[in-house]
Amino acid sequence: MALDDRGRPDILPRAEPLSEAPHVIRYPQFLSADECAHVATAAAPMLAPSTVIDSLTGQAREHPVRTAMAAVIGPANEDLVMRAINHRLAAITGTAVEQGEPLSVMRYDVSQQYRMHIDALPGTGNQRIKTAIVYLNHGYEGGETLFEHGPRIAGRQGDAIVFDNVKRDGSPDPVSRHAGLPIVRGVKWIATRWIRQAAYDPWTYRAGA
Protein backbone atom coordinates (compact mmCIF):
# COMPACT_ATOMS: atom_id res chain seq x y z
CA MET A 1 0.00 0.00 0.00
CA ALA A 2 1.18 3.52 -0.73
CA LEU A 3 1.70 5.32 2.60
CA ASP A 4 2.98 8.65 3.85
CA ASP A 5 5.67 8.92 6.53
CA ARG A 6 3.04 8.50 9.30
CA GLY A 7 1.59 5.29 7.89
CA ARG A 8 -1.51 6.92 6.42
CA PRO A 9 -2.71 6.14 2.87
CA ASP A 10 -1.41 8.35 0.09
CA ILE A 11 -4.27 7.43 -2.25
CA LEU A 12 -7.80 6.27 -1.46
CA PRO A 13 -9.80 3.87 -3.64
CA ARG A 14 -12.76 5.24 -5.53
CA ALA A 15 -16.07 5.43 -3.70
CA GLU A 16 -19.11 3.71 -5.23
CA PRO A 17 -22.42 4.78 -3.61
CA LEU A 18 -24.82 1.85 -3.27
CA SER A 19 -27.69 3.34 -1.29
CA GLU A 20 -28.78 6.63 0.25
CA ALA A 21 -31.06 5.27 2.99
CA PRO A 22 -29.40 3.30 4.41
CA HIS A 23 -26.27 5.22 3.48
CA VAL A 24 -23.95 2.55 2.05
CA ILE A 25 -20.74 3.10 0.07
CA ARG A 26 -18.55 0.44 -1.53
CA TYR A 27 -14.79 0.77 -2.10
CA PRO A 28 -13.74 -1.81 -4.70
CA GLN A 29 -10.30 -3.39 -4.23
CA PHE A 30 -9.76 -1.64 -0.90
CA LEU A 31 -7.24 -4.34 0.11
CA SER A 32 -5.00 -6.47 -2.07
CA ALA A 33 -5.20 -10.26 -2.04
CA ASP A 34 -1.97 -10.39 -0.01
CA GLU A 35 -3.34 -7.94 2.55
CA CYS A 36 -6.54 -9.98 2.88
CA ALA A 37 -4.51 -13.15 3.41
CA HIS A 38 -2.37 -11.39 6.03
CA VAL A 39 -5.42 -10.37 8.07
CA ALA A 40 -7.04 -13.81 7.91
CA THR A 41 -3.79 -15.61 8.73
CA ALA A 42 -3.13 -13.36 11.73
CA ALA A 43 -6.64 -13.90 13.08
CA ALA A 44 -6.93 -17.66 12.48
CA PRO A 45 -5.15 -18.85 15.68
CA MET A 46 -7.34 -16.57 17.83
CA LEU A 47 -10.74 -17.57 16.45
CA ALA A 48 -13.43 -18.40 19.02
CA PRO A 49 -17.26 -18.54 18.94
CA SER A 50 -18.58 -15.04 18.30
CA THR A 51 -20.74 -13.18 20.79
CA VAL A 52 -23.39 -10.47 20.87
CA ILE A 53 -24.23 -7.86 23.51
CA ASP A 54 -27.12 -8.63 25.84
CA SER A 55 -29.30 -5.50 25.80
CA LEU A 56 -30.33 -6.08 29.44
CA THR A 57 -26.95 -6.79 31.03
CA GLY A 58 -24.57 -5.16 28.57
CA GLN A 59 -22.45 -8.34 28.69
CA ALA A 60 -21.11 -10.27 25.71
CA ARG A 61 -22.58 -13.75 25.28
CA GLU A 62 -23.06 -16.39 22.63
CA HIS A 63 -26.40 -16.17 20.86
CA PRO A 64 -28.01 -17.92 17.85
CA VAL A 65 -28.42 -14.55 16.12
CA ARG A 66 -24.70 -14.74 15.33
CA THR A 67 -23.18 -18.12 14.49
CA ALA A 68 -19.61 -17.59 13.37
CA MET A 69 -16.06 -17.71 14.65
CA ALA A 70 -14.42 -14.40 15.49
CA ALA A 71 -11.11 -12.91 16.61
CA VAL A 72 -10.27 -9.41 17.82
CA ILE A 73 -6.93 -7.96 16.73
CA GLY A 74 -6.16 -5.61 19.59
CA PRO A 75 -3.05 -3.50 20.26
CA ALA A 76 -0.92 -6.45 21.35
CA ASN A 77 -1.53 -8.21 18.01
CA GLU A 78 -1.64 -5.15 15.76
CA ASP A 79 1.41 -5.25 13.51
CA LEU A 80 2.40 -2.48 11.09
CA VAL A 81 0.22 -3.87 8.29
CA MET A 82 -2.84 -3.94 10.56
CA ARG A 83 -2.10 -0.41 11.77
CA ALA A 84 -1.84 0.85 8.21
CA ILE A 85 -5.13 -0.87 7.32
CA ASN A 86 -6.81 0.81 10.30
CA HIS A 87 -5.48 4.18 9.09
CA ARG A 88 -6.95 3.43 5.67
CA LEU A 89 -10.32 2.54 7.22
CA ALA A 90 -10.25 5.80 9.15
CA ALA A 91 -9.60 7.67 5.92
CA ILE A 92 -12.55 6.19 4.01
CA THR A 93 -14.90 6.74 6.96
CA GLY A 94 -13.76 10.34 7.43
CA THR A 95 -12.82 9.69 11.06
CA ALA A 96 -9.70 9.59 13.23
CA VAL A 97 -8.00 6.22 13.63
CA GLU A 98 -8.47 6.57 17.40
CA GLN A 99 -12.26 6.32 16.94
CA GLY A 100 -12.12 2.72 15.72
CA GLU A 101 -12.60 -0.36 17.85
CA PRO A 102 -10.01 -3.12 17.42
CA LEU A 103 -10.40 -4.90 14.09
CA SER A 104 -12.72 -7.92 14.33
CA VAL A 105 -12.20 -10.81 11.92
CA MET A 106 -14.98 -13.34 11.36
CA ARG A 107 -15.12 -16.71 9.62
CA TYR A 108 -18.48 -18.11 8.54
CA ASP A 109 -18.73 -21.81 7.65
CA VAL A 110 -21.66 -23.54 5.93
CA SER A 111 -25.03 -22.59 7.50
CA GLN A 112 -23.46 -19.94 9.74
CA GLN A 113 -24.90 -16.44 9.59
CA TYR A 114 -25.54 -13.15 11.39
CA ARG A 115 -29.28 -12.52 11.53
CA MET A 116 -30.90 -9.09 11.16
CA HIS A 117 -29.46 -6.56 13.61
CA ILE A 118 -28.17 -3.03 13.94
CA ASP A 119 -24.61 -2.24 15.00
CA ALA A 120 -25.54 0.76 17.17
CA LEU A 121 -25.38 -0.13 20.86
CA PRO A 122 -27.91 0.39 23.66
CA GLY A 123 -26.97 2.58 26.60
CA THR A 124 -23.55 3.77 25.54
CA GLY A 125 -22.15 7.28 25.71
CA ASN A 126 -19.79 6.67 22.79
CA GLN A 127 -21.95 5.26 20.02
CA ARG A 128 -20.91 3.20 17.02
CA ILE A 129 -21.65 5.75 14.31
CA LYS A 130 -20.30 3.81 11.32
CA THR A 131 -19.38 0.28 10.33
CA ALA A 132 -16.69 -0.73 7.84
CA ILE A 133 -16.66 -4.30 6.50
CA VAL A 134 -13.85 -5.69 4.33
CA TYR A 135 -14.43 -8.92 2.42
CA LEU A 136 -11.29 -11.04 2.75
CA ASN A 137 -12.27 -13.70 0.21
CA HIS A 138 -14.88 -14.74 -2.31
CA GLY A 139 -15.82 -17.94 -4.10
CA TYR A 140 -18.35 -19.09 -1.51
CA GLU A 141 -22.10 -19.34 -2.10
CA GLY A 142 -24.60 -17.43 0.01
CA GLY A 143 -23.25 -15.09 2.68
CA GLU A 144 -24.40 -11.84 1.09
CA THR A 145 -24.71 -8.74 3.25
CA LEU A 146 -28.41 -7.90 3.12
CA PHE A 147 -29.87 -4.60 4.31
CA GLU A 148 -33.49 -4.90 5.34
CA HIS A 149 -34.35 -1.69 3.49
CA GLY A 150 -31.45 -1.52 1.07
CA PRO A 151 -29.02 -3.40 -1.12
CA ARG A 152 -27.94 -7.03 -1.12
CA ILE A 153 -24.16 -7.14 -1.46
CA ALA A 154 -22.05 -10.07 -2.58
CA GLY A 155 -18.57 -8.94 -1.61
CA ARG A 156 -15.49 -9.60 -3.73
CA GLN A 157 -12.09 -10.19 -2.14
CA GLY A 158 -10.62 -6.87 -1.05
CA ASP A 159 -13.83 -4.85 -1.39
CA ALA A 160 -14.96 -2.72 1.56
CA ILE A 161 -18.35 -1.26 2.41
CA VAL A 162 -19.05 1.56 4.86
CA PHE A 163 -22.47 2.41 6.27
CA ASP A 164 -23.98 4.71 8.87
CA ASN A 165 -25.54 3.28 12.05
CA VAL A 166 -27.11 6.46 13.43
CA LYS A 167 -29.36 9.31 12.34
CA ARG A 168 -28.26 12.93 12.19
CA ASP A 169 -29.29 13.37 15.84
CA GLY A 170 -27.03 10.48 16.88
CA SER A 171 -29.81 8.02 17.67
CA PRO A 172 -29.71 4.45 16.25
CA ASP A 173 -31.05 4.34 12.71
CA PRO A 174 -33.45 1.43 12.12
CA VAL A 175 -32.85 1.50 8.35
CA SER A 176 -29.30 0.31 9.04
CA ARG A 177 -30.63 -3.15 9.97
CA HIS A 178 -28.69 -5.76 8.07
CA ALA A 179 -27.76 -9.42 8.07
CA GLY A 180 -24.99 -11.72 6.91
CA LEU A 181 -26.93 -14.42 5.08
CA PRO A 182 -26.20 -18.13 5.69
CA ILE A 183 -23.29 -19.70 3.85
CA VAL A 184 -24.45 -22.34 1.38
CA ARG A 185 -21.04 -23.59 0.22
CA GLY A 186 -17.49 -22.72 1.17
CA VAL A 187 -16.17 -20.35 3.85
CA LYS A 188 -16.55 -16.58 4.15
CA TRP A 189 -13.98 -14.33 5.85
CA ILE A 190 -14.60 -10.67 6.69
CA ALA A 191 -12.94 -7.99 8.79
CA THR A 192 -15.12 -5.44 10.57
CA ARG A 193 -14.17 -2.18 12.26
CA TRP A 194 -16.83 -0.36 14.24
CA ILE A 195 -16.25 3.39 14.38
CA ARG A 196 -17.21 5.31 17.52
CA GLN A 197 -18.41 8.88 17.90
CA ALA A 198 -15.28 9.83 19.86
CA ALA A 199 -11.88 8.34 20.61
CA TYR A 200 -11.97 4.79 21.96
CA ASP A 201 -9.34 3.15 24.19
CA PRO A 202 -8.45 -0.22 22.65
CA TRP A 203 -6.70 -1.38 25.84
CA THR A 204 -10.02 -1.35 27.67
CA TYR A 205 -11.88 -3.03 24.80
CA ARG A 206 -14.91 -5.09 25.75
CA ALA A 207 -17.38 -5.88 22.97
CA GLY A 208 -20.33 -3.54 23.32
CA ALA A 209 -18.78 -1.27 25.95
C-alpha atoms as a PDB file:
ATOM      1  CA  MET A   1       0.000   0.000   0.000  1.00  0.00           C
ATOM      2  CA  ALA A   2       1.182   3.524  -0.730  1.00  0.00           C
ATOM      3  CA  LEU A   3       1.705   5.317   2.603  1.00  0.00           C
ATOM      4  CA  ASP A   4       2.976   8.646   3.852  1.00  0.00           C
ATOM      5  CA  ASP A   5       5.668   8.919   6.528  1.00  0.00           C
ATOM      6  CA  ARG A   6       3.041   8.502   9.295  1.00  0.00           C
ATOM      7  CA  GLY A   7       1.592   5.293   7.888  1.00  0.00           C
ATOM      8  CA  ARG A   8      -1.506   6.919   6.419  1.00  0.00           C
ATOM      9  CA  PRO A   9      -2.712   6.136   2.874  1.00  0.00           C
ATOM     10  CA  ASP A  10      -1.415   8.345   0.086  1.00  0.00           C
ATOM     11  CA  ILE A  11      -4.266   7.427  -2.254  1.00  0.00           C
ATOM     12  CA  LEU A  12      -7.802   6.267  -1.464  1.00  0.00           C
ATOM     13  CA  PRO A  13      -9.801   3.871  -3.643  1.00  0.00           C
ATOM     14  CA  ARG A  14     -12.764   5.240  -5.529  1.00  0.00           C
ATOM     15  CA  ALA A  15     -16.069   5.429  -3.702  1.00  0.00           C
ATOM     16  CA  GLU A  16     -19.107   3.712  -5.233  1.00  0.00           C
ATOM     17  CA  PRO A  17     -22.419   4.781  -3.613  1.00  0.00           C
ATOM     18  CA  LEU A  18     -24.820   1.852  -3.273  1.00  0.00           C
ATOM     19  CA  SER A  19     -27.694   3.337  -1.288  1.00  0.00           C
ATOM     20  CA  GLU A  20     -28.784   6.634   0.248  1.00  0.00           C
ATOM     21  CA  ALA A  21     -31.062   5.270   2.989  1.00  0.00           C
ATOM     22  CA  PRO A  22     -29.399   3.296   4.413  1.00  0.00           C
ATOM     23  CA  HIS A  23     -26.272   5.218   3.484  1.00  0.00           C
ATOM     24  CA  VAL A  24     -23.946   2.549   2.052  1.00  0.00           C
ATOM     25  CA  ILE A  25     -20.738   3.103   0.071  1.00  0.00           C
ATOM     26  CA  ARG A  26     -18.545   0.442  -1.532  1.00  0.00           C
ATOM     27  CA  TYR A  27     -14.795   0.773  -2.098  1.00  0.00           C
ATOM     28  CA  PRO A  28     -13.742  -1.805  -4.703  1.00  0.00           C
ATOM     29  CA  GLN A  29     -10.297  -3.393  -4.230  1.00  0.00           C
ATOM     30  CA  PHE A  30      -9.765  -1.640  -0.904  1.00  0.00           C
ATOM     31  CA  LEU A  31      -7.243  -4.335   0.106  1.00  0.00           C
ATOM     32  CA  SER A  32      -4.997  -6.468  -2.065  1.00  0.00           C
ATOM     33  CA  ALA A  33      -5.200 -10.260  -2.036  1.00  0.00           C
ATOM     34  CA  ASP A  34      -1.970 -10.390  -0.009  1.00  0.00           C
ATOM     35  CA  GLU A  35      -3.344  -7.937   2.554  1.00  0.00           C
ATOM     36  CA  CYS A  36      -6.543  -9.981   2.882  1.00  0.00           C
ATOM     37  CA  ALA A  37      -4.505 -13.148   3.408  1.00  0.00           C
ATOM     38  CA  HIS A  38      -2.366 -11.387   6.030  1.00  0.00           C
ATOM     39  CA  VAL A  39      -5.415 -10.367   8.068  1.00  0.00           C
ATOM     40  CA  ALA A  40      -7.040 -13.810   7.905  1.00  0.00           C
ATOM     41  CA  THR A  41      -3.790 -15.606   8.733  1.00  0.00           C
ATOM     42  CA  ALA A  42      -3.126 -13.357  11.729  1.00  0.00           C
ATOM     43  CA  ALA A  43      -6.639 -13.903  13.081  1.00  0.00           C
ATOM     44  CA  ALA A  44      -6.927 -17.657  12.476  1.00  0.00           C
ATOM     45  CA  PRO A  45      -5.148 -18.848  15.682  1.00  0.00           C
ATOM     46  CA  MET A  46      -7.337 -16.572  17.830  1.00  0.00           C
ATOM     47  CA  LEU A  47     -10.742 -17.570  16.455  1.00  0.00           C
ATOM     48  CA  ALA A  48     -13.431 -18.404  19.018  1.00  0.00           C
ATOM     49  CA  PRO A  49     -17.257 -18.537  18.944  1.00  0.00           C
ATOM     50  CA  SER A  50     -18.581 -15.040  18.305  1.00  0.00           C
ATOM     51  CA  THR A  51     -20.736 -13.177  20.790  1.00  0.00           C
ATOM     52  CA  VAL A  52     -23.393 -10.465  20.866  1.00  0.00           C
ATOM     53  CA  ILE A  53     -24.233  -7.864  23.506  1.00  0.00           C
ATOM     54  CA  ASP A  54     -27.116  -8.634  25.843  1.00  0.00           C
ATOM     55  CA  SER A  55     -29.305  -5.497  25.799  1.00  0.00           C
ATOM     56  CA  LEU A  56     -30.326  -6.076  29.436  1.00  0.00           C
ATOM     57  CA  THR A  57     -26.955  -6.789  31.029  1.00  0.00           C
ATOM     58  CA  GLY A  58     -24.566  -5.164  28.566  1.00  0.00           C
ATOM     59  CA  GLN A  59     -22.449  -8.338  28.689  1.00  0.00           C
ATOM     60  CA  ALA A  60     -21.107 -10.267  25.708  1.00  0.00           C
ATOM     61  CA  ARG A  61     -22.578 -13.748  25.278  1.00  0.00           C
ATOM     62  CA  GLU A  62     -23.060 -16.393  22.628  1.00  0.00           C
ATOM     63  CA  HIS A  63     -26.402 -16.171  20.858  1.00  0.00           C
ATOM     64  CA  PRO A  64     -28.006 -17.924  17.849  1.00  0.00           C
ATOM     65  CA  VAL A  65     -28.420 -14.554  16.122  1.00  0.00           C
ATOM     66  CA  ARG A  66     -24.697 -14.741  15.333  1.00  0.00           C
ATOM     67  CA  THR A  67     -23.183 -18.117  14.487  1.00  0.00           C
ATOM     68  CA  ALA A  68     -19.612 -17.590  13.372  1.00  0.00           C
ATOM     69  CA  MET A  69     -16.056 -17.711  14.654  1.00  0.00           C
ATOM     70  CA  ALA A  70     -14.419 -14.403  15.493  1.00  0.00           C
ATOM     71  CA  ALA A  71     -11.114 -12.907  16.606  1.00  0.00           C
ATOM     72  CA  VAL A  72     -10.270  -9.406  17.816  1.00  0.00           C
ATOM     73  CA  ILE A  73      -6.933  -7.959  16.727  1.00  0.00           C
ATOM     74  CA  GLY A  74      -6.163  -5.612  19.593  1.00  0.00           C
ATOM     75  CA  PRO A  75      -3.054  -3.498  20.259  1.00  0.00           C
ATOM     76  CA  ALA A  76      -0.923  -6.448  21.355  1.00  0.00           C
ATOM     77  CA  ASN A  77      -1.535  -8.206  18.008  1.00  0.00           C
ATOM     78  CA  GLU A  78      -1.640  -5.149  15.758  1.00  0.00           C
ATOM     79  CA  ASP A  79       1.410  -5.245  13.506  1.00  0.00           C
ATOM     80  CA  LEU A  80       2.404  -2.484  11.087  1.00  0.00           C
ATOM     81  CA  VAL A  81       0.219  -3.866   8.294  1.00  0.00           C
ATOM     82  CA  MET A  82      -2.845  -3.936  10.562  1.00  0.00           C
ATOM     83  CA  ARG A  83      -2.100  -0.414  11.770  1.00  0.00           C
ATOM     84  CA  ALA A  84      -1.841   0.846   8.207  1.00  0.00           C
ATOM     85  CA  ILE A  85      -5.133  -0.868   7.322  1.00  0.00           C
ATOM     86  CA  ASN A  86      -6.806   0.813  10.302  1.00  0.00           C
ATOM     87  CA  HIS A  87      -5.476   4.179   9.087  1.00  0.00           C
ATOM     88  CA  ARG A  88      -6.945   3.425   5.672  1.00  0.00           C
ATOM     89  CA  LEU A  89     -10.315   2.537   7.223  1.00  0.00           C
ATOM     90  CA  ALA A  90     -10.252   5.801   9.153  1.00  0.00           C
ATOM     91  CA  ALA A  91      -9.602   7.668   5.917  1.00  0.00           C
ATOM     92  CA  ILE A  92     -12.551   6.192   4.009  1.00  0.00           C
ATOM     93  CA  THR A  93     -14.899   6.742   6.961  1.00  0.00           C
ATOM     94  CA  GLY A  94     -13.756  10.344   7.432  1.00  0.00           C
ATOM     95  CA  THR A  95     -12.815   9.692  11.059  1.00  0.00           C
ATOM     96  CA  ALA A  96      -9.702   9.590  13.225  1.00  0.00           C
ATOM     97  CA  VAL A  97      -8.001   6.222  13.625  1.00  0.00           C
ATOM     98  CA  GLU A  98      -8.475   6.572  17.402  1.00  0.00           C
ATOM     99  CA  GLN A  99     -12.257   6.316  16.941  1.00  0.00           C
ATOM    100  CA  GLY A 100     -12.122   2.721  15.716  1.00  0.00           C
ATOM    101  CA  GLU A 101     -12.601  -0.364  17.849  1.00  0.00           C
ATOM    102  CA  PRO A 102     -10.010  -3.122  17.421  1.00  0.00           C
ATOM    103  CA  LEU A 103     -10.401  -4.901  14.095  1.00  0.00           C
ATOM    104  CA  SER A 104     -12.723  -7.918  14.335  1.00  0.00           C
ATOM    105  CA  VAL A 105     -12.198 -10.813  11.924  1.00  0.00           C
ATOM    106  CA  MET A 106     -14.985 -13.335  11.362  1.00  0.00           C
ATOM    107  CA  ARG A 107     -15.118 -16.707   9.623  1.00  0.00           C
ATOM    108  CA  TYR A 108     -18.485 -18.109   8.538  1.00  0.00           C
ATOM    109  CA  ASP A 109     -18.731 -21.810   7.654  1.00  0.00           C
ATOM    110  CA  VAL A 110     -21.659 -23.544   5.929  1.00  0.00           C
ATOM    111  CA  SER A 111     -25.034 -22.586   7.496  1.00  0.00           C
ATOM    112  CA  GLN A 112     -23.458 -19.944   9.742  1.00  0.00           C
ATOM    113  CA  GLN A 113     -24.900 -16.444   9.590  1.00  0.00           C
ATOM    114  CA  TYR A 114     -25.537 -13.154  11.391  1.00  0.00           C
ATOM    115  CA  ARG A 115     -29.281 -12.519  11.531  1.00  0.00           C
ATOM    116  CA  MET A 116     -30.903  -9.091  11.164  1.00  0.00           C
ATOM    117  CA  HIS A 117     -29.462  -6.562  13.611  1.00  0.00           C
ATOM    118  CA  ILE A 118     -28.167  -3.026  13.943  1.00  0.00           C
ATOM    119  CA  ASP A 119     -24.606  -2.241  15.004  1.00  0.00           C
ATOM    120  CA  ALA A 120     -25.537   0.760  17.173  1.00  0.00           C
ATOM    121  CA  LEU A 121     -25.377  -0.127  20.862  1.00  0.00           C
ATOM    122  CA  PRO A 122     -27.905   0.390  23.663  1.00  0.00           C
ATOM    123  CA  GLY A 123     -26.972   2.579  26.605  1.00  0.00           C
ATOM    124  CA  THR A 124     -23.547   3.774  25.538  1.00  0.00           C
ATOM    125  CA  GLY A 125     -22.150   7.276  25.706  1.00  0.00           C
ATOM    126  CA  ASN A 126     -19.790   6.668  22.793  1.00  0.00           C
ATOM    127  CA  GLN A 127     -21.952   5.259  20.023  1.00  0.00           C
ATOM    128  CA  ARG A 128     -20.910   3.201  17.015  1.00  0.00           C
ATOM    129  CA  ILE A 129     -21.649   5.750  14.308  1.00  0.00           C
ATOM    130  CA  LYS A 130     -20.296   3.807  11.321  1.00  0.00           C
ATOM    131  CA  THR A 131     -19.378   0.282  10.330  1.00  0.00           C
ATOM    132  CA  ALA A 132     -16.690  -0.729   7.836  1.00  0.00           C
ATOM    133  CA  ILE A 133     -16.658  -4.295   6.495  1.00  0.00           C
ATOM    134  CA  VAL A 134     -13.849  -5.688   4.331  1.00  0.00           C
ATOM    135  CA  TYR A 135     -14.435  -8.925   2.423  1.00  0.00           C
ATOM    136  CA  LEU A 136     -11.288 -11.037   2.749  1.00  0.00           C
ATOM    137  CA  ASN A 137     -12.272 -13.702   0.211  1.00  0.00           C
ATOM    138  CA  HIS A 138     -14.881 -14.735  -2.310  1.00  0.00           C
ATOM    139  CA  GLY A 139     -15.818 -17.936  -4.100  1.00  0.00           C
ATOM    140  CA  TYR A 140     -18.351 -19.093  -1.509  1.00  0.00           C
ATOM    141  CA  GLU A 141     -22.105 -19.340  -2.102  1.00  0.00           C
ATOM    142  CA  GLY A 142     -24.605 -17.427   0.006  1.00  0.00           C
ATOM    143  CA  GLY A 143     -23.247 -15.089   2.676  1.00  0.00           C
ATOM    144  CA  GLU A 144     -24.397 -11.843   1.087  1.00  0.00           C
ATOM    145  CA  THR A 145     -24.713  -8.739   3.250  1.00  0.00           C
ATOM    146  CA  LEU A 146     -28.414  -7.896   3.122  1.00  0.00           C
ATOM    147  CA  PHE A 147     -29.868  -4.597   4.308  1.00  0.00           C
ATOM    148  CA  GLU A 148     -33.488  -4.905   5.343  1.00  0.00           C
ATOM    149  CA  HIS A 149     -34.354  -1.686   3.494  1.00  0.00           C
ATOM    150  CA  GLY A 150     -31.451  -1.517   1.074  1.00  0.00           C
ATOM    151  CA  PRO A 151     -29.019  -3.403  -1.118  1.00  0.00           C
ATOM    152  CA  ARG A 152     -27.941  -7.033  -1.118  1.00  0.00           C
ATOM    153  CA  ILE A 153     -24.158  -7.138  -1.461  1.00  0.00           C
ATOM    154  CA  ALA A 154     -22.050 -10.069  -2.581  1.00  0.00           C
ATOM    155  CA  GLY A 155     -18.566  -8.943  -1.611  1.00  0.00           C
ATOM    156  CA  ARG A 156     -15.487  -9.605  -3.726  1.00  0.00           C
ATOM    157  CA  GLN A 157     -12.094 -10.193  -2.140  1.00  0.00           C
ATOM    158  CA  GLY A 158     -10.621  -6.867  -1.051  1.00  0.00           C
ATOM    159  CA  ASP A 159     -13.830  -4.846  -1.391  1.00  0.00           C
ATOM    160  CA  ALA A 160     -14.964  -2.718   1.559  1.00  0.00           C
ATOM    161  CA  ILE A 161     -18.349  -1.257   2.410  1.00  0.00           C
ATOM    162  CA  VAL A 162     -19.054   1.563   4.863  1.00  0.00           C
ATOM    163  CA  PHE A 163     -22.475   2.407   6.266  1.00  0.00           C
ATOM    164  CA  ASP A 164     -23.985   4.705   8.874  1.00  0.00           C
ATOM    165  CA  ASN A 165     -25.539   3.285  12.054  1.00  0.00           C
ATOM    166  CA  VAL A 166     -27.112   6.459  13.430  1.00  0.00           C
ATOM    167  CA  LYS A 167     -29.361   9.308  12.343  1.00  0.00           C
ATOM    168  CA  ARG A 168     -28.256  12.935  12.189  1.00  0.00           C
ATOM    169  CA  ASP A 169     -29.287  13.367  15.837  1.00  0.00           C
ATOM    170  CA  GLY A 170     -27.028  10.475  16.879  1.00  0.00           C
ATOM    171  CA  SER A 171     -29.809   8.019  17.670  1.00  0.00           C
ATOM    172  CA  PRO A 172     -29.707   4.450  16.246  1.00  0.00           C
ATOM    173  CA  ASP A 173     -31.047   4.341  12.707  1.00  0.00           C
ATOM    174  CA  PRO A 174     -33.447   1.429  12.119  1.00  0.00           C
ATOM    175  CA  VAL A 175     -32.846   1.503   8.352  1.00  0.00           C
ATOM    176  CA  SER A 176     -29.297   0.312   9.037  1.00  0.00           C
ATOM    177  CA  ARG A 177     -30.630  -3.147   9.973  1.00  0.00           C
ATOM    178  CA  HIS A 178     -28.690  -5.758   8.069  1.00  0.00           C
ATOM    179  CA  ALA A 179     -27.758  -9.423   8.067  1.00  0.00           C
ATOM    180  CA  GLY A 180     -24.988 -11.716   6.908  1.00  0.00           C
ATOM    181  CA  LEU A 181     -26.933 -14.420   5.082  1.00  0.00           C
ATOM    182  CA  PRO A 182     -26.200 -18.134   5.685  1.00  0.00           C
ATOM    183  CA  ILE A 183     -23.287 -19.697   3.850  1.00  0.00           C
ATOM    184  CA  VAL A 184     -24.454 -22.339   1.379  1.00  0.00           C
ATOM    185  CA  ARG A 185     -21.043 -23.585   0.215  1.00  0.00           C
ATOM    186  CA  GLY A 186     -17.492 -22.715   1.173  1.00  0.00           C
ATOM    187  CA  VAL A 187     -16.170 -20.349   3.849  1.00  0.00           C
ATOM    188  CA  LYS A 188     -16.549 -16.582   4.155  1.00  0.00           C
ATOM    189  CA  TRP A 189     -13.981 -14.330   5.848  1.00  0.00           C
ATOM    190  CA  ILE A 190     -14.600 -10.670   6.687  1.00  0.00           C
ATOM    191  CA  ALA A 191     -12.935  -7.995   8.786  1.00  0.00           C
ATOM    192  CA  THR A 192     -15.118  -5.437  10.570  1.00  0.00           C
ATOM    193  CA  ARG A 193     -14.173  -2.175  12.265  1.00  0.00           C
ATOM    194  CA  TRP A 194     -16.830  -0.356  14.241  1.00  0.00           C
ATOM    195  CA  ILE A 195     -16.255   3.391  14.385  1.00  0.00           C
ATOM    196  CA  ARG A 196     -17.205   5.305  17.520  1.00  0.00           C
ATOM    197  CA  GLN A 197     -18.409   8.876  17.899  1.00  0.00           C
ATOM    198  CA  ALA A 198     -15.284   9.829  19.862  1.00  0.00           C
ATOM    199  CA  ALA A 199     -11.875   8.339  20.607  1.00  0.00           C
ATOM    200  CA  TYR A 200     -11.971   4.794  21.964  1.00  0.00           C
ATOM    201  CA  ASP A 201      -9.344   3.153  24.193  1.00  0.00           C
ATOM    202  CA  PRO A 202      -8.454  -0.224  22.651  1.00  0.00           C
ATOM    203  CA  TRP A 203      -6.697  -1.384  25.844  1.00  0.00           C
ATOM    204  CA  THR A 204     -10.021  -1.355  27.673  1.00  0.00           C
ATOM    205  CA  TYR A 205     -11.878  -3.028  24.803  1.00  0.00           C
ATOM    206  CA  ARG A 206     -14.907  -5.093  25.750  1.00  0.00           C
ATOM    207  CA  ALA A 207     -17.382  -5.877  22.972  1.00  0.00           C
ATOM    208  CA  GLY A 208     -20.331  -3.540  23.319  1.00  0.00           C
ATOM    209  CA  ALA A 209     -18.785  -1.267  25.945  1.00  0.00           C
END
